[in-house]
Amino acid sequence: MKIKLLFLLIILVLPPTTEGKEPTRVACIGNSITYGYGLKNRSEECYPAVLGIMLGENYTVENFGISARTLLNKGDHPYMQEKLFTEARAFCPDIVIIKLGTNDTKPHNWKYGKEFRKDLSALIDSFRCEGNPRIYLCYPATVYGTKWGINDSTIVHGVIPAIKKTARRKKVKIIDLHTPTSGMPENFPDRVHPNANGARILAQTVYQAITSEKKR
């Protein structure tokens, strides 16, 4: 009897273990940069895959990136009209990383730029309907040319200010991927998409944002 009581007391005073705890689910929402377009080993070199390795076994990171997609619902390929968007919500993420806006800078898309904040708010709300995840809005990575009509000027003067205002209004965090990727055209071979080194920089920046938030 005394042995049983002693065993019970030990169980009560020991701190709970993390064994059996569900991994933190991270959904990476984005376009071809998130998807990993142009990488030789996309499944291992894209930024969500690298992020998953950095975060470790207590996290499950899923790549929900689709090439050429826009945030704008009136854009040529709206992300929110894709099946993968529905799957991202069904994933029930604990953390959502939203990196959209690069393809929106194409002139035929940015003519609807005034609706960017509204559509971004709708995207945020769609994930909040499924729970209360931590949501991060990413500034797009630096663009070094005008291939496909994508341009850095619209990112700097249009997309980034819209993201900043939306983040403030919706009370979500920002991850600046534009500044860390500036001044390194060698990491963007086609002037838009990062190589493995560039993708690693994206992953490292997102990793620092997620883990620094956790420590607070």
Protein backbone atom coordinates (compact mmCIF):
# COMPACT_ATOMS: atom_id res chain seq x y z
CA MET A 1 0.00 0.00 0.00
CA LYS A 2 2.82 2.40 0.92
CA ILE A 3 4.56 1.63 -2.36
CA LYS A 4 1.39 2.45 -4.30
CA LEU A 5 1.01 5.75 -2.44
CA LEU A 6 4.63 6.64 -3.10
CA PHE A 7 4.22 5.86 -6.81
CA LEU A 8 1.09 8.02 -6.97
CA LEU A 9 2.88 10.93 -5.32
CA ILE A 10 5.76 10.67 -7.79
CA ILE A 11 3.32 10.84 -10.71
CA LEU A 12 1.60 13.90 -9.24
CA VAL A 13 4.77 15.91 -8.66
CA LEU A 14 6.55 15.06 -11.92
CA PRO A 15 6.12 17.67 -14.71
CA PRO A 16 3.96 16.57 -17.63
CA THR A 17 5.84 15.19 -20.64
CA THR A 18 5.35 16.19 -24.25
CA GLU A 19 5.01 12.56 -25.29
CA GLY A 20 1.77 12.05 -27.17
CA LYS A 21 1.33 15.77 -27.80
CA GLU A 22 0.17 16.64 -31.30
CA PRO A 23 2.79 18.44 -33.42
CA THR A 24 2.19 22.11 -34.14
CA ARG A 25 0.73 22.34 -37.64
CA VAL A 26 2.18 25.03 -39.92
CA ALA A 27 0.51 25.89 -43.24
CA CYS A 28 2.62 27.74 -45.82
CA ILE A 29 0.27 29.59 -48.17
CA GLY A 30 1.78 31.08 -51.30
CA ASN A 31 2.68 31.08 -54.95
CA SER A 32 5.52 29.51 -56.96
CA ILE A 33 8.15 30.81 -54.54
CA THR A 34 6.52 28.85 -51.74
CA TYR A 35 5.93 25.88 -54.06
CA GLY A 36 9.60 25.80 -54.98
CA TYR A 37 9.50 26.50 -58.71
CA GLY A 38 12.89 26.12 -60.42
CA LEU A 39 14.60 24.19 -57.62
CA LYS A 40 16.44 21.03 -58.63
CA ASN A 41 15.14 19.12 -55.63
CA ARG A 42 11.93 20.97 -54.88
CA SER A 43 10.60 18.62 -52.20
CA GLU A 44 13.72 19.14 -50.08
CA GLU A 45 14.91 22.62 -51.08
CA CYS A 46 11.69 24.68 -51.07
CA TYR A 47 11.44 27.01 -48.10
CA PRO A 48 8.60 25.10 -46.34
CA ALA A 49 10.66 21.88 -46.44
CA VAL A 50 13.73 23.63 -45.03
CA LEU A 51 11.56 25.33 -42.41
CA GLY A 52 10.23 21.94 -41.34
CA ILE A 53 13.76 20.66 -40.77
CA MET A 54 14.67 23.78 -38.79
CA LEU A 55 11.59 23.55 -36.57
CA GLY A 56 12.06 19.86 -35.86
CA GLU A 57 9.82 16.95 -34.96
CA ASN A 58 7.42 18.97 -32.81
CA TYR A 59 6.13 20.70 -35.95
CA THR A 60 4.41 19.50 -39.10
CA VAL A 61 4.96 21.93 -41.98
CA GLU A 62 2.83 21.60 -45.12
CA ASN A 63 3.47 23.35 -48.43
CA PHE A 64 0.26 24.80 -49.88
CA GLY A 65 1.99 26.89 -52.54
CA ILE A 66 0.65 27.02 -56.11
CA SER A 67 2.52 28.59 -59.01
CA ALA A 68 1.25 31.83 -60.59
CA ARG A 69 -1.45 32.39 -57.97
CA THR A 70 -2.64 35.81 -56.86
CA LEU A 71 -4.12 37.05 -53.65
CA LEU A 72 -6.51 39.22 -55.64
CA ASN A 73 -9.78 37.44 -56.33
CA LYS A 74 -9.99 39.32 -59.64
CA GLY A 75 -6.46 38.31 -60.59
CA ASP A 76 -5.77 35.88 -63.41
CA HIS A 77 -5.25 32.90 -61.05
CA PRO A 78 -6.83 33.60 -57.62
CA TYR A 79 -5.45 31.49 -54.80
CA MET A 80 -8.72 31.43 -52.89
CA GLN A 81 -10.46 29.68 -55.76
CA GLU A 82 -8.12 26.70 -55.64
CA LYS A 83 -8.83 23.26 -54.18
CA LEU A 84 -5.53 23.45 -52.30
CA PHE A 85 -6.85 26.47 -50.40
CA THR A 86 -9.73 24.32 -49.13
CA GLU A 87 -7.22 21.63 -48.17
CA ALA A 88 -5.13 24.20 -46.29
CA ARG A 89 -8.13 25.14 -44.18
CA ALA A 90 -9.00 21.48 -43.59
CA PHE A 91 -5.44 21.00 -42.32
CA CYS A 92 -6.54 23.07 -39.28
CA PRO A 93 -3.19 24.83 -38.91
CA ASP A 94 -1.94 26.25 -35.64
CA ILE A 95 0.28 28.65 -37.58
CA VAL A 96 -0.43 30.16 -41.01
CA ILE A 97 2.30 31.76 -43.12
CA ILE A 98 0.81 33.82 -45.96
CA LYS A 99 3.21 34.78 -48.73
CA LEU A 100 1.23 36.15 -51.65
CA GLY A 101 1.45 39.34 -53.69
CA THR A 102 4.25 38.79 -56.20
CA ASN A 103 1.98 37.79 -59.09
CA ASP A 104 -0.46 40.53 -58.14
CA THR A 105 2.10 43.08 -59.37
CA LYS A 106 1.53 42.10 -62.99
CA PRO A 107 -0.19 45.10 -64.64
CA HIS A 108 -3.30 43.14 -65.66
CA ASN A 109 -3.69 42.05 -62.04
CA TRP A 110 -2.67 45.20 -60.19
CA LYS A 111 -5.38 47.20 -61.92
CA TYR A 112 -7.51 45.65 -59.15
CA GLY A 113 -4.93 46.60 -56.52
CA LYS A 114 -7.43 48.66 -54.52
CA GLU A 115 -9.08 45.36 -53.56
CA PHE A 116 -5.88 43.83 -52.20
CA ARG A 117 -6.54 44.75 -48.58
CA LYS A 118 -10.12 43.52 -48.74
CA ASP A 119 -9.12 40.19 -50.24
CA LEU A 120 -6.25 39.75 -47.79
CA SER A 121 -8.63 40.38 -44.90
CA ALA A 122 -10.97 37.75 -46.32
CA LEU A 123 -8.10 35.24 -46.49
CA ILE A 124 -7.20 35.91 -42.86
CA ASP A 125 -10.83 35.55 -41.78
CA SER A 126 -11.17 32.26 -43.64
CA PHE A 127 -8.50 30.69 -41.43
CA ARG A 128 -9.87 32.26 -38.28
CA CYS A 129 -13.21 30.62 -39.00
CA GLU A 130 -11.51 27.24 -38.56
CA GLY A 131 -9.94 28.13 -35.19
CA ASN A 132 -7.57 30.70 -33.77
CA PRO A 133 -4.22 30.15 -35.50
CA ARG A 134 -1.23 32.45 -35.30
CA ILE A 135 -1.19 34.19 -38.67
CA TYR A 136 1.83 35.85 -40.27
CA LEU A 137 1.72 38.03 -43.37
CA CYS A 138 4.93 38.03 -45.40
CA TYR A 139 6.25 40.89 -47.46
CA PRO A 140 7.17 39.41 -50.85
CA ALA A 141 10.78 38.58 -51.58
CA THR A 142 12.74 41.10 -53.64
CA VAL A 143 12.28 40.87 -57.42
CA TYR A 144 15.24 41.72 -59.67
CA GLY A 145 13.57 42.18 -63.04
CA THR A 146 10.25 42.48 -64.82
CA LYS A 147 9.87 38.92 -66.08
CA TRP A 148 6.22 37.89 -66.57
CA GLY A 149 5.25 41.48 -65.78
CA ILE A 150 6.21 41.06 -62.12
CA ASN A 151 8.01 44.12 -60.74
CA ASP A 152 9.59 45.18 -57.48
CA SER A 153 8.35 48.75 -57.69
CA THR A 154 4.74 47.65 -57.25
CA ILE A 155 5.81 45.33 -54.43
CA VAL A 156 7.49 48.21 -52.58
CA HIS A 157 4.95 50.95 -53.26
CA GLY A 158 1.74 48.92 -53.51
CA VAL A 159 1.80 45.44 -52.02
CA ILE A 160 3.93 46.06 -48.92
CA PRO A 161 1.94 49.12 -47.75
CA ALA A 162 -1.30 47.17 -48.26
CA ILE A 163 0.03 44.24 -46.22
CA LYS A 164 1.24 46.58 -43.47
CA LYS A 165 -2.14 48.29 -43.14
CA THR A 166 -4.02 44.99 -43.19
CA ALA A 167 -1.75 43.46 -40.56
CA ARG A 168 -2.34 46.43 -38.28
CA ARG A 169 -6.11 46.29 -38.73
CA LYS A 170 -6.40 42.52 -38.38
CA LYS A 171 -3.85 42.36 -35.54
CA VAL A 172 -1.52 39.84 -37.16
CA LYS A 173 2.27 39.72 -37.33
CA ILE A 174 4.44 40.63 -40.32
CA ILE A 175 7.45 38.72 -41.61
CA ASP A 176 9.64 40.91 -43.80
CA LEU A 177 11.03 38.72 -46.58
CA HIS A 178 11.83 41.70 -48.80
CA THR A 179 14.70 43.20 -46.81
CA PRO A 180 16.60 39.92 -46.18
CA THR A 181 16.49 39.08 -49.90
CA SER A 182 17.63 42.46 -51.20
CA GLY A 183 21.08 42.88 -52.72
CA MET A 184 21.48 39.23 -53.66
CA PRO A 185 20.49 38.76 -57.32
CA GLU A 186 22.78 35.73 -57.47
CA ASN A 187 20.23 33.87 -55.32
CA PHE A 188 17.43 34.60 -57.80
CA PRO A 189 18.63 33.10 -61.12
CA ASP A 190 15.52 34.04 -63.12
CA ARG A 191 15.18 37.36 -61.21
CA VAL A 192 12.01 36.17 -59.41
CA HIS A 193 12.42 32.69 -57.94
CA PRO A 194 15.05 31.85 -55.32
CA ASN A 195 17.61 29.10 -55.71
CA ALA A 196 18.34 26.75 -52.80
CA ASN A 197 20.37 29.44 -51.01
CA GLY A 198 17.60 31.98 -51.43
CA ALA A 199 14.96 29.52 -50.23
CA ARG A 200 17.09 28.82 -47.16
CA ILE A 201 17.14 32.53 -46.36
CA LEU A 202 13.34 32.63 -46.58
CA ALA A 203 13.08 29.60 -44.30
CA GLN A 204 15.52 31.06 -41.78
CA THR A 205 13.62 34.35 -41.64
CA VAL A 206 10.28 32.61 -41.11
CA TYR A 207 11.86 30.28 -38.54
CA GLN A 208 13.18 33.22 -36.53
CA ALA A 209 9.75 34.88 -36.55
CA ILE A 210 7.96 31.73 -35.37
CA THR A 211 10.43 30.79 -32.65
CA SER A 212 10.94 34.31 -31.30
CA GLU A 213 7.17 34.65 -30.94
CA LYS A 214 7.04 31.36 -29.02
CA LYS A 215 9.66 32.57 -26.52
CA ARG A 216 7.69 35.67 -25.54
